[in-house]
Amino acid sequence: MVKPGELVDIVELSPLTLADRRTYNLLIANAWERIGEPIVHRIAKSALKGTHQGNERIEASLLRLMGTIAIVTIRKSGKSYKRRVQLLGPSDESLEKDGFLHYRIPEELIEILRNSEVYARLKTQVMYCFESKYALCLYEMIERRIGLEYKQTEEFTIEELRGLLNVPAGKLERFADLNKYCLKVAVEEINKLCPFYVDFTPIKKGRKVERIALHWFPKTSSGKRDAQSLIDQHSVVRRAKMRGLAAELPVLVDFSVPAER
């Protein structure tokens, strides 16, 4: 899956759910080959089922995506600007259970995508393994940066990082809470599932944390194999291993075969 780097570091005015972000990533990936053209794209609804339990949840995600305004940093004539734009344009959804979804990418977003120079390669298989939306946001951020030469760290203010990880306003306002319920959760999932390690270092002024340093570096070959092995596990086993529990798969009984006496 290829998603333009400019769409990774966005700040959503109305934070999206984990399923919403997965859906949007799939829509971008599906449209990618013709992303620069002002056309109506088409995707099978079945391709989106992995992100939802049913069609009603697909509709709910589409409505949230269409109603979400994102702030994207762009460059014009050598100067930086903030662009406010909808993430998703009009869409037509087939009423048939296994029909198609037709959708448009807003023209203002197409301009950004057409001129995109930085790409984040998001792996669908990994994306479905995340249980926290903060982990998915962080994964997107790191995939954009992992290929940068001579750079393995970047500093952010608390507010910048909250925006990039899409922490809702009024939630996790104390750094202790942000660290426990957002940063540590995201780091733990990333370090177990991805081909790279990531960490945060608080930067204090006096006793107050004012900035956060984000660090990332690739894993060794064995570390990458371990991460892929975890991804390939049954979801029940994978969740248990990520939580440090013993996994028990359900026992399937074939009632068509008479039991031995």
C-alpha atoms as a PDB file:
ATOM      1  CA  MET A   1       0.000   0.000   0.000  1.00  0.00           C
ATOM      2  CA  VAL A   2       1.367   3.431  -0.910  1.00  0.00           C
ATOM      3  CA  LYS A   3       0.052   6.571   0.734  1.00  0.00           C
ATOM      4  CA  PRO A   4       1.514  10.041   0.109  1.00  0.00           C
ATOM      5  CA  GLY A   5       3.655  11.335   2.916  1.00  0.00           C
ATOM      6  CA  GLU A   6       1.749  14.606   3.107  1.00  0.00           C
ATOM      7  CA  LEU A   7      -1.337  12.665   4.180  1.00  0.00           C
ATOM      8  CA  VAL A   8       0.478  11.027   7.052  1.00  0.00           C
ATOM      9  CA  ASP A   9       1.304  14.125   9.075  1.00  0.00           C
ATOM     10  CA  ILE A  10      -2.147  15.649   9.085  1.00  0.00           C
ATOM     11  CA  VAL A  11      -4.120  17.053  11.974  1.00  0.00           C
ATOM     12  CA  GLU A  12      -7.773  16.068  11.937  1.00  0.00           C
ATOM     13  CA  LEU A  13     -10.101  18.599  13.535  1.00  0.00           C
ATOM     14  CA  SER A  14     -12.443  15.709  14.416  1.00  0.00           C
ATOM     15  CA  PRO A  15     -10.261  12.715  15.360  1.00  0.00           C
ATOM     16  CA  LEU A  16     -11.110   9.548  13.438  1.00  0.00           C
ATOM     17  CA  THR A  17     -11.479   6.043  14.827  1.00  0.00           C
ATOM     18  CA  LEU A  18      -9.037   3.230  14.100  1.00  0.00           C
ATOM     19  CA  ALA A  19     -11.511   1.732  11.597  1.00  0.00           C
ATOM     20  CA  ASP A  20     -11.966   5.132   9.906  1.00  0.00           C
ATOM     21  CA  ARG A  21      -8.227   5.487   9.351  1.00  0.00           C
ATOM     22  CA  ARG A  22      -7.946   1.944   8.000  1.00  0.00           C
ATOM     23  CA  THR A  23     -10.793   2.632   5.592  1.00  0.00           C
ATOM     24  CA  TYR A  24      -9.218   5.867   4.359  1.00  0.00           C
ATOM     25  CA  ASN A  25      -5.850   4.188   3.812  1.00  0.00           C
ATOM     26  CA  LEU A  26      -7.560   1.529   1.686  1.00  0.00           C
ATOM     27  CA  LEU A  27      -9.421   4.152  -0.360  1.00  0.00           C
ATOM     28  CA  ILE A  28      -6.172   6.019  -1.069  1.00  0.00           C
ATOM     29  CA  ALA A  29      -4.369   2.781  -1.984  1.00  0.00           C
ATOM     30  CA  ASN A  30      -7.187   1.765  -4.323  1.00  0.00           C
ATOM     31  CA  ALA A  31      -7.127   5.129  -6.117  1.00  0.00           C
ATOM     32  CA  TRP A  32      -3.352   5.478  -6.189  1.00  0.00           C
ATOM     33  CA  GLU A  33      -2.597   4.611  -9.832  1.00  0.00           C
ATOM     34  CA  ARG A  34      -4.890   7.434 -10.979  1.00  0.00           C
ATOM     35  CA  ILE A  35      -4.743   9.603  -7.865  1.00  0.00           C
ATOM     36  CA  GLY A  36      -3.832  12.726  -9.846  1.00  0.00           C
ATOM     37  CA  GLU A  37      -6.904  12.568 -12.075  1.00  0.00           C
ATOM     38  CA  PRO A  38     -10.232  14.232 -11.192  1.00  0.00           C
ATOM     39  CA  ILE A  39     -12.219  11.022 -11.668  1.00  0.00           C
ATOM     40  CA  VAL A  40     -14.650   8.871  -9.716  1.00  0.00           C
ATOM     41  CA  HIS A  41     -12.846   5.913  -8.166  1.00  0.00           C
ATOM     42  CA  ARG A  42     -14.466   2.540  -7.522  1.00  0.00           C
ATOM     43  CA  ILE A  43     -13.798  -0.095  -4.874  1.00  0.00           C
ATOM     44  CA  ALA A  44     -15.640  -3.291  -3.972  1.00  0.00           C
ATOM     45  CA  LYS A  45     -17.390  -3.027  -0.613  1.00  0.00           C
ATOM     46  CA  SER A  46     -15.996  -6.442   0.221  1.00  0.00           C
ATOM     47  CA  ALA A  47     -12.498  -4.887   0.168  1.00  0.00           C
ATOM     48  CA  LEU A  48     -13.538  -2.665   3.071  1.00  0.00           C
ATOM     49  CA  LYS A  49     -15.132  -5.436   5.122  1.00  0.00           C
ATOM     50  CA  GLY A  50     -11.864  -6.167   6.875  1.00  0.00           C
ATOM     51  CA  THR A  51     -12.192  -2.828   8.657  1.00  0.00           C
ATOM     52  CA  HIS A  52     -15.804  -3.302   9.815  1.00  0.00           C
ATOM     53  CA  GLN A  53     -18.374  -5.825  10.992  1.00  0.00           C
ATOM     54  CA  GLY A  54     -21.002  -4.794   8.464  1.00  0.00           C
ATOM     55  CA  ASN A  55     -22.132  -2.333   5.800  1.00  0.00           C
ATOM     56  CA  GLU A  56     -23.692   0.004   8.353  1.00  0.00           C
ATOM     57  CA  ARG A  57     -20.268   0.648   9.852  1.00  0.00           C
ATOM     58  CA  ILE A  58     -18.797   1.327   6.416  1.00  0.00           C
ATOM     59  CA  GLU A  59     -21.435   4.019   5.989  1.00  0.00           C
ATOM     60  CA  ALA A  60     -20.648   5.492   9.410  1.00  0.00           C
ATOM     61  CA  SER A  61     -16.938   5.706   8.548  1.00  0.00           C
ATOM     62  CA  LEU A  62     -17.654   7.286   5.165  1.00  0.00           C
ATOM     63  CA  LEU A  63     -19.817   9.948   6.800  1.00  0.00           C
ATOM     64  CA  ARG A  64     -17.090  10.764   9.308  1.00  0.00           C
ATOM     65  CA  LEU A  65     -14.437  10.910   6.571  1.00  0.00           C
ATOM     66  CA  MET A  66     -16.596  13.189   4.422  1.00  0.00           C
ATOM     67  CA  GLY A  67     -17.189  15.452   7.410  1.00  0.00           C
ATOM     68  CA  THR A  68     -13.565  15.588   8.543  1.00  0.00           C
ATOM     69  CA  ILE A  69     -11.523  18.687   7.814  1.00  0.00           C
ATOM     70  CA  ALA A  70      -7.776  18.123   7.863  1.00  0.00           C
ATOM     71  CA  ILE A  71      -4.978  20.663   8.165  1.00  0.00           C
ATOM     72  CA  VAL A  72      -2.120  19.857   5.789  1.00  0.00           C
ATOM     73  CA  THR A  73       1.184  21.731   5.582  1.00  0.00           C
ATOM     74  CA  ILE A  74       2.033  22.531   1.944  1.00  0.00           C
ATOM     75  CA  ARG A  75       4.725  24.488   0.080  1.00  0.00           C
ATOM     76  CA  LYS A  76       3.891  27.267  -2.410  1.00  0.00           C
ATOM     77  CA  SER A  77       6.523  29.469  -4.041  1.00  0.00           C
ATOM     78  CA  GLY A  78       9.067  28.387  -1.455  1.00  0.00           C
ATOM     79  CA  LYS A  79       6.828  29.284   1.491  1.00  0.00           C
ATOM     80  CA  SER A  80       4.864  27.091   3.920  1.00  0.00           C
ATOM     81  CA  TYR A  81       1.079  27.289   4.139  1.00  0.00           C
ATOM     82  CA  LYS A  82      -1.663  25.540   6.074  1.00  0.00           C
ATOM     83  CA  ARG A  83      -4.338  24.080   3.845  1.00  0.00           C
ATOM     84  CA  ARG A  84      -7.724  23.082   5.262  1.00  0.00           C
ATOM     85  CA  VAL A  85      -9.390  20.434   3.160  1.00  0.00           C
ATOM     86  CA  GLN A  86     -11.943  17.628   3.318  1.00  0.00           C
ATOM     87  CA  LEU A  87     -10.453  14.140   3.401  1.00  0.00           C
ATOM     88  CA  LEU A  88     -13.114  12.607   1.173  1.00  0.00           C
ATOM     89  CA  GLY A  89     -15.465  13.991  -1.460  1.00  0.00           C
ATOM     90  CA  PRO A  90     -18.939  12.761  -2.517  1.00  0.00           C
ATOM     91  CA  SER A  91     -19.545   9.008  -2.612  1.00  0.00           C
ATOM     92  CA  ASP A  92     -22.183   6.659  -4.014  1.00  0.00           C
ATOM     93  CA  GLU A  93     -22.603   3.331  -2.233  1.00  0.00           C
ATOM     94  CA  SER A  94     -24.405   0.430  -3.874  1.00  0.00           C
ATOM     95  CA  LEU A  95     -27.353  -0.833  -1.838  1.00  0.00           C
ATOM     96  CA  GLU A  96     -26.381  -4.377  -2.753  1.00  0.00           C
ATOM     97  CA  LYS A  97     -24.539  -6.219   0.001  1.00  0.00           C
ATOM     98  CA  ASP A  98     -21.534  -7.027  -2.192  1.00  0.00           C
ATOM     99  CA  GLY A  99     -21.722  -4.025  -4.525  1.00  0.00           C
ATOM    100  CA  PHE A 100     -19.297  -1.167  -5.120  1.00  0.00           C
ATOM    101  CA  LEU A 101     -18.483   2.172  -3.566  1.00  0.00           C
ATOM    102  CA  HIS A 102     -17.847   5.083  -5.960  1.00  0.00           C
ATOM    103  CA  TYR A 103     -15.987   8.037  -4.440  1.00  0.00           C
ATOM    104  CA  ARG A 104     -14.060  11.194  -5.254  1.00  0.00           C
ATOM    105  CA  ILE A 105     -10.878  12.682  -3.825  1.00  0.00           C
ATOM    106  CA  PRO A 106     -11.299  16.468  -3.289  1.00  0.00           C
ATOM    107  CA  GLU A 107      -9.609  18.562  -5.984  1.00  0.00           C
ATOM    108  CA  GLU A 108      -7.569  20.488  -3.394  1.00  0.00           C
ATOM    109  CA  LEU A 109      -6.211  17.186  -2.123  1.00  0.00           C
ATOM    110  CA  ILE A 110      -5.452  15.920  -5.631  1.00  0.00           C
ATOM    111  CA  GLU A 111      -3.140  18.908  -6.148  1.00  0.00           C
ATOM    112  CA  ILE A 112      -1.166  17.878  -3.067  1.00  0.00           C
ATOM    113  CA  LEU A 113      -1.004  14.237  -4.116  1.00  0.00           C
ATOM    114  CA  ARG A 114       0.064  15.030  -7.668  1.00  0.00           C
ATOM    115  CA  ASN A 115       3.053  17.026  -6.417  1.00  0.00           C
ATOM    116  CA  SER A 116       3.921  14.654  -3.619  1.00  0.00           C
ATOM    117  CA  GLU A 117       7.629  13.865  -3.278  1.00  0.00           C
ATOM    118  CA  VAL A 118       7.618  11.812  -0.077  1.00  0.00           C
ATOM    119  CA  TYR A 119       5.786   8.496   0.139  1.00  0.00           C
ATOM    120  CA  ALA A 120       4.878   6.346   3.101  1.00  0.00           C
ATOM    121  CA  ARG A 121       4.586   2.648   2.402  1.00  0.00           C
ATOM    122  CA  LEU A 122       1.851   1.322   4.610  1.00  0.00           C
ATOM    123  CA  LYS A 123       1.481  -2.438   4.772  1.00  0.00           C
ATOM    124  CA  THR A 124      -2.156  -3.519   4.904  1.00  0.00           C
ATOM    125  CA  GLN A 125      -1.302  -6.715   6.792  1.00  0.00           C
ATOM    126  CA  VAL A 126       0.341  -4.711   9.584  1.00  0.00           C
ATOM    127  CA  MET A 127      -2.414  -2.097   9.605  1.00  0.00           C
ATOM    128  CA  TYR A 128      -5.070  -4.678  10.514  1.00  0.00           C
ATOM    129  CA  CYS A 129      -3.030  -5.942  13.477  1.00  0.00           C
ATOM    130  CA  PHE A 130      -3.067  -2.680  15.406  1.00  0.00           C
ATOM    131  CA  GLU A 131      -5.571  -2.462  18.240  1.00  0.00           C
ATOM    132  CA  SER A 132      -4.907   1.195  19.042  1.00  0.00           C
ATOM    133  CA  LYS A 133      -5.540   4.094  16.678  1.00  0.00           C
ATOM    134  CA  TYR A 134      -2.547   5.817  18.261  1.00  0.00           C
ATOM    135  CA  ALA A 135      -0.353   2.913  17.124  1.00  0.00           C
ATOM    136  CA  LEU A 136      -1.633   3.263  13.547  1.00  0.00           C
ATOM    137  CA  CYS A 137      -1.008   7.032  13.588  1.00  0.00           C
ATOM    138  CA  LEU A 138       2.522   6.488  14.893  1.00  0.00           C
ATOM    139  CA  TYR A 139       3.133   3.730  12.333  1.00  0.00           C
ATOM    140  CA  GLU A 140       2.191   6.144   9.551  1.00  0.00           C
ATOM    141  CA  MET A 141       4.525   8.803  10.941  1.00  0.00           C
ATOM    142  CA  ILE A 142       7.497   6.430  11.188  1.00  0.00           C
ATOM    143  CA  GLU A 143       6.967   4.871   7.746  1.00  0.00           C
ATOM    144  CA  ARG A 144       7.250   8.376   6.327  1.00  0.00           C
ATOM    145  CA  ARG A 145      10.536   8.981   8.117  1.00  0.00           C
ATOM    146  CA  ILE A 146      12.242   5.576   8.221  1.00  0.00           C
ATOM    147  CA  GLY A 147      13.961   6.077   4.853  1.00  0.00           C
ATOM    148  CA  LEU A 148      15.426   9.485   5.683  1.00  0.00           C
ATOM    149  CA  GLU A 149      19.230   9.455   5.588  1.00  0.00           C
ATOM    150  CA  TYR A 150      21.140  10.638   8.646  1.00  0.00           C
ATOM    151  CA  LYS A 151      17.945  11.279  10.603  1.00  0.00           C
ATOM    152  CA  GLN A 152      16.566   9.008  13.297  1.00  0.00           C
ATOM    153  CA  THR A 153      15.050  11.504  15.705  1.00  0.00           C
ATOM    154  CA  GLU A 154      12.653  14.445  15.613  1.00  0.00           C
ATOM    155  CA  GLU A 155      11.307  16.749  18.304  1.00  0.00           C
ATOM    156  CA  PHE A 156       7.697  17.848  18.761  1.00  0.00           C
ATOM    157  CA  THR A 157       5.861  20.048  21.211  1.00  0.00           C
ATOM    158  CA  ILE A 158       3.214  18.268  23.270  1.00  0.00           C
ATOM    159  CA  GLU A 159       0.454  19.920  21.248  1.00  0.00           C
ATOM    160  CA  GLU A 160       2.078  19.012  17.915  1.00  0.00           C
ATOM    161  CA  LEU A 161       2.355  15.372  18.933  1.00  0.00           C
ATOM    162  CA  ARG A 162      -1.211  15.274  20.281  1.00  0.00           C
ATOM    163  CA  GLY A 163      -2.417  16.589  16.944  1.00  0.00           C
ATOM    164  CA  LEU A 164      -0.360  14.143  14.863  1.00  0.00           C
ATOM    165  CA  LEU A 165      -1.515  11.189  16.963  1.00  0.00           C
ATOM    166  CA  ASN A 166      -5.085  12.526  16.851  1.00  0.00           C
ATOM    167  CA  VAL A 167      -5.662  12.644  20.591  1.00  0.00           C
ATOM    168  CA  PRO A 168      -9.161  14.126  21.130  1.00  0.00           C
ATOM    169  CA  ALA A 169      -9.341  17.594  22.691  1.00  0.00           C
ATOM    170  CA  GLY A 170      -9.940  17.401  26.418  1.00  0.00           C
ATOM    171  CA  LYS A 171      -8.563  13.847  26.668  1.00  0.00           C
ATOM    172  CA  LEU A 172      -5.245  12.769  28.248  1.00  0.00           C
ATOM    173  CA  GLU A 173      -4.348  16.368  29.082  1.00  0.00           C
ATOM    174  CA  ARG A 174      -1.851  15.445  31.816  1.00  0.00           C
ATOM    175  CA  PHE A 175       1.447  14.206  30.394  1.00  0.00           C
ATOM    176  CA  ALA A 176       1.345  11.218  32.749  1.00  0.00           C
ATOM    177  CA  ASP A 177      -1.957  10.138  31.174  1.00  0.00           C
ATOM    178  CA  LEU A 178      -0.796  10.870  27.620  1.00  0.00           C
ATOM    179  CA  ASN A 179       2.332   8.821  28.246  1.00  0.00           C
ATOM    180  CA  LYS A 180       0.488   5.866  29.824  1.00  0.00           C
ATOM    181  CA  TYR A 181      -2.570   5.572  27.588  1.00  0.00           C
ATOM    182  CA  CYS A 182      -1.234   6.866  24.262  1.00  0.00           C
ATOM    183  CA  LEU A 183       2.549   6.909  23.867  1.00  0.00           C
ATOM    184  CA  LYS A 184       3.405   3.683  25.708  1.00  0.00           C
ATOM    185  CA  VAL A 185       0.515   1.786  24.115  1.00  0.00           C
ATOM    186  CA  ALA A 186       1.543   2.905  20.620  1.00  0.00           C
ATOM    187  CA  VAL A 187       5.243   2.170  21.196  1.00  0.00           C
ATOM    188  CA  GLU A 188       4.520  -1.321  22.543  1.00  0.00           C
ATOM    189  CA  GLU A 189       2.422  -2.291  19.502  1.00  0.00           C
ATOM    190  CA  ILE A 190       4.877  -0.763  17.028  1.00  0.00           C
ATOM    191  CA  ASN A 191       7.896  -2.493  18.550  1.00  0.00           C
ATOM    192  CA  LYS A 192       6.205  -5.894  18.406  1.00  0.00           C
ATOM    193  CA  LEU A 193       4.604  -5.679  14.957  1.00  0.00           C
ATOM    194  CA  CYS A 194       6.834  -3.480  12.799  1.00  0.00           C
ATOM    195  CA  PRO A 195      10.264  -3.903  11.150  1.00  0.00           C
ATOM    196  CA  PHE A 196      11.608  -1.005  13.222  1.00  0.00           C
ATOM    197  CA  TYR A 197      11.840   0.170  16.828  1.00  0.00           C
ATOM    198  CA  VAL A 198      10.480   3.456  18.107  1.00  0.00           C
ATOM    199  CA  ASP A 199      10.730   5.330  21.401  1.00  0.00           C
ATOM    200  CA  PHE A 200       9.918   8.688  22.988  1.00  0.00           C
ATOM    201  CA  THR A 201      12.102  10.801  25.277  1.00  0.00           C
ATOM    202  CA  PRO A 202      10.469  13.579  27.348  1.00  0.00           C
ATOM    203  CA  ILE A 203      12.340  16.898  27.255  1.00  0.00           C
ATOM    204  CA  LYS A 204      11.737  18.926  30.398  1.00  0.00           C
ATOM    205  CA  LYS A 205      12.050  22.558  31.330  1.00  0.00           C
ATOM    206  CA  GLY A 206      12.269  22.497  35.081  1.00  0.00           C
ATOM    207  CA  ARG A 207       9.739  19.859  36.186  1.00  0.00           C
ATOM    208  CA  LYS A 208       7.422  20.326  33.211  1.00  0.00           C
ATOM    209  CA  VAL A 209       7.607  18.247  30.029  1.00  0.00           C
ATOM    210  CA  GLU A 210       7.591  20.746  27.153  1.00  0.00           C
ATOM    211  CA  ARG A 211       8.742  18.676  24.181  1.00  0.00           C
ATOM    212  CA  ILE A 212       8.994  15.049  23.121  1.00  0.00           C
ATOM    213  CA  ALA A 213      11.839  13.535  21.100  1.00  0.00           C
ATOM    214  CA  LEU A 214      10.731  10.728  18.784  1.00  0.00           C
ATOM    215  CA  HIS A 215      13.401   8.134  17.935  1.00  0.00           C
ATOM    216  CA  TRP A 216      13.288   5.339  15.356  1.00  0.00           C
ATOM    217  CA  PHE A 217      15.696   2.787  13.905  1.00  0.00           C
ATOM    218  CA  PRO A 218      15.357  -0.425  11.861  1.00  0.00           C
ATOM    219  CA  LYS A 219      15.388  -3.878  13.435  1.00  0.00           C
ATOM    220  CA  THR A 220      17.924  -6.595  12.711  1.00  0.00           C
ATOM    221  CA  SER A 221      16.989  -9.400  10.313  1.00  0.00           C
ATOM    222  CA  SER A 222      15.972 -11.650  13.212  1.00  0.00           C
ATOM    223  CA  GLY A 223      13.888  -8.853  14.730  1.00  0.00           C
ATOM    224  CA  LYS A 224      12.059  -8.362  11.445  1.00  0.00           C
ATOM    225  CA  ARG A 225      11.402 -12.116  11.211  1.00  0.00           C
ATOM    226  CA  ASP A 226       9.981 -12.149  14.739  1.00  0.00           C
ATOM    227  CA  ALA A 227       7.653  -9.259  13.894  1.00  0.00           C
ATOM    228  CA  GLN A 228       6.435 -10.966  10.709  1.00  0.00           C
ATOM    229  CA  SER A 229       5.948 -14.235  12.600  1.00  0.00           C
ATOM    230  CA  LEU A 230       3.692 -12.443  15.087  1.00  0.00           C
ATOM    231  CA  ILE A 231       1.706 -10.820  12.277  1.00  0.00           C
ATOM    232  CA  ASP A 232       1.193 -14.217  10.619  1.00  0.00           C
ATOM    233  CA  GLN A 233      -0.289 -15.733  13.791  1.00  0.00           C
ATOM    234  CA  HIS A 234      -4.015 -16.300  14.259  1.00  0.00           C
ATOM    235  CA  SER A 235      -5.544 -13.104  15.681  1.00  0.00           C
ATOM    236  CA  VAL A 236      -6.401 -14.841  18.987  1.00  0.00           C
ATOM    237  CA  VAL A 237      -2.814 -16.043  19.409  1.00  0.00           C
ATOM    238  CA  ARG A 238      -1.363 -12.698  18.328  1.00  0.00           C
ATOM    239  CA  ARG A 239      -3.462 -10.688  20.797  1.00  0.00           C
ATOM    240  CA  ALA A 240      -2.558 -13.038  23.634  1.00  0.00           C
ATOM    241  CA  LYS A 241       1.162 -12.849  22.851  1.00  0.00           C
ATOM    242  CA  MET A 242       1.050  -9.066  22.643  1.00  0.00           C
ATOM    243  CA  ARG A 243      -0.560  -8.991  26.094  1.00  0.00           C
ATOM    244  CA  GLY A 244       1.772 -11.595  27.540  1.00  0.00           C
ATOM    245  CA  LEU A 245      -0.980 -14.198  27.967  1.00  0.00           C
ATOM    246  CA  ALA A 246      -1.260 -17.871  27.028  1.00  0.00           C
ATOM    247  CA  ALA A 247      -3.383 -18.223  23.888  1.00  0.00           C
ATOM    248  CA  GLU A 248      -6.070 -20.868  23.564  1.00  0.00           C
ATOM    249  CA  LEU A 249      -7.507 -21.445  20.111  1.00  0.00           C
ATOM    250  CA  PRO A 250     -11.132 -22.667  19.903  1.00  0.00           C
ATOM    251  CA  VAL A 251     -11.460 -26.414  19.344  1.00  0.00           C
ATOM    252  CA  LEU A 252     -13.427 -27.240  16.191  1.00  0.00           C
ATOM    253  CA  VAL A 253     -15.499 -30.418  16.343  1.00  0.00           C
ATOM    254  CA  ASP A 254     -16.595 -32.183  13.156  1.00  0.00           C
ATOM    255  CA  PHE A 255     -20.011 -33.593  14.027  1.00  0.00           C
ATOM    256  CA  SER A 256     -20.194 -35.408  10.682  1.00  0.00           C
ATOM    257  CA  VAL A 257     -17.653 -37.950  11.924  1.00  0.00           C
ATOM    258  CA  PRO A 258     -18.990 -40.439  14.515  1.00  0.00           C
ATOM    259  CA  ALA A 259     -17.108 -40.320  17.778  1.00  0.00           C
ATOM    260  CA  GLU A 260     -14.951 -43.328  18.640  1.00  0.00           C
ATOM    261  CA  ARG A 261     -16.281 -45.667  21.327  1.00  0.00           C
END
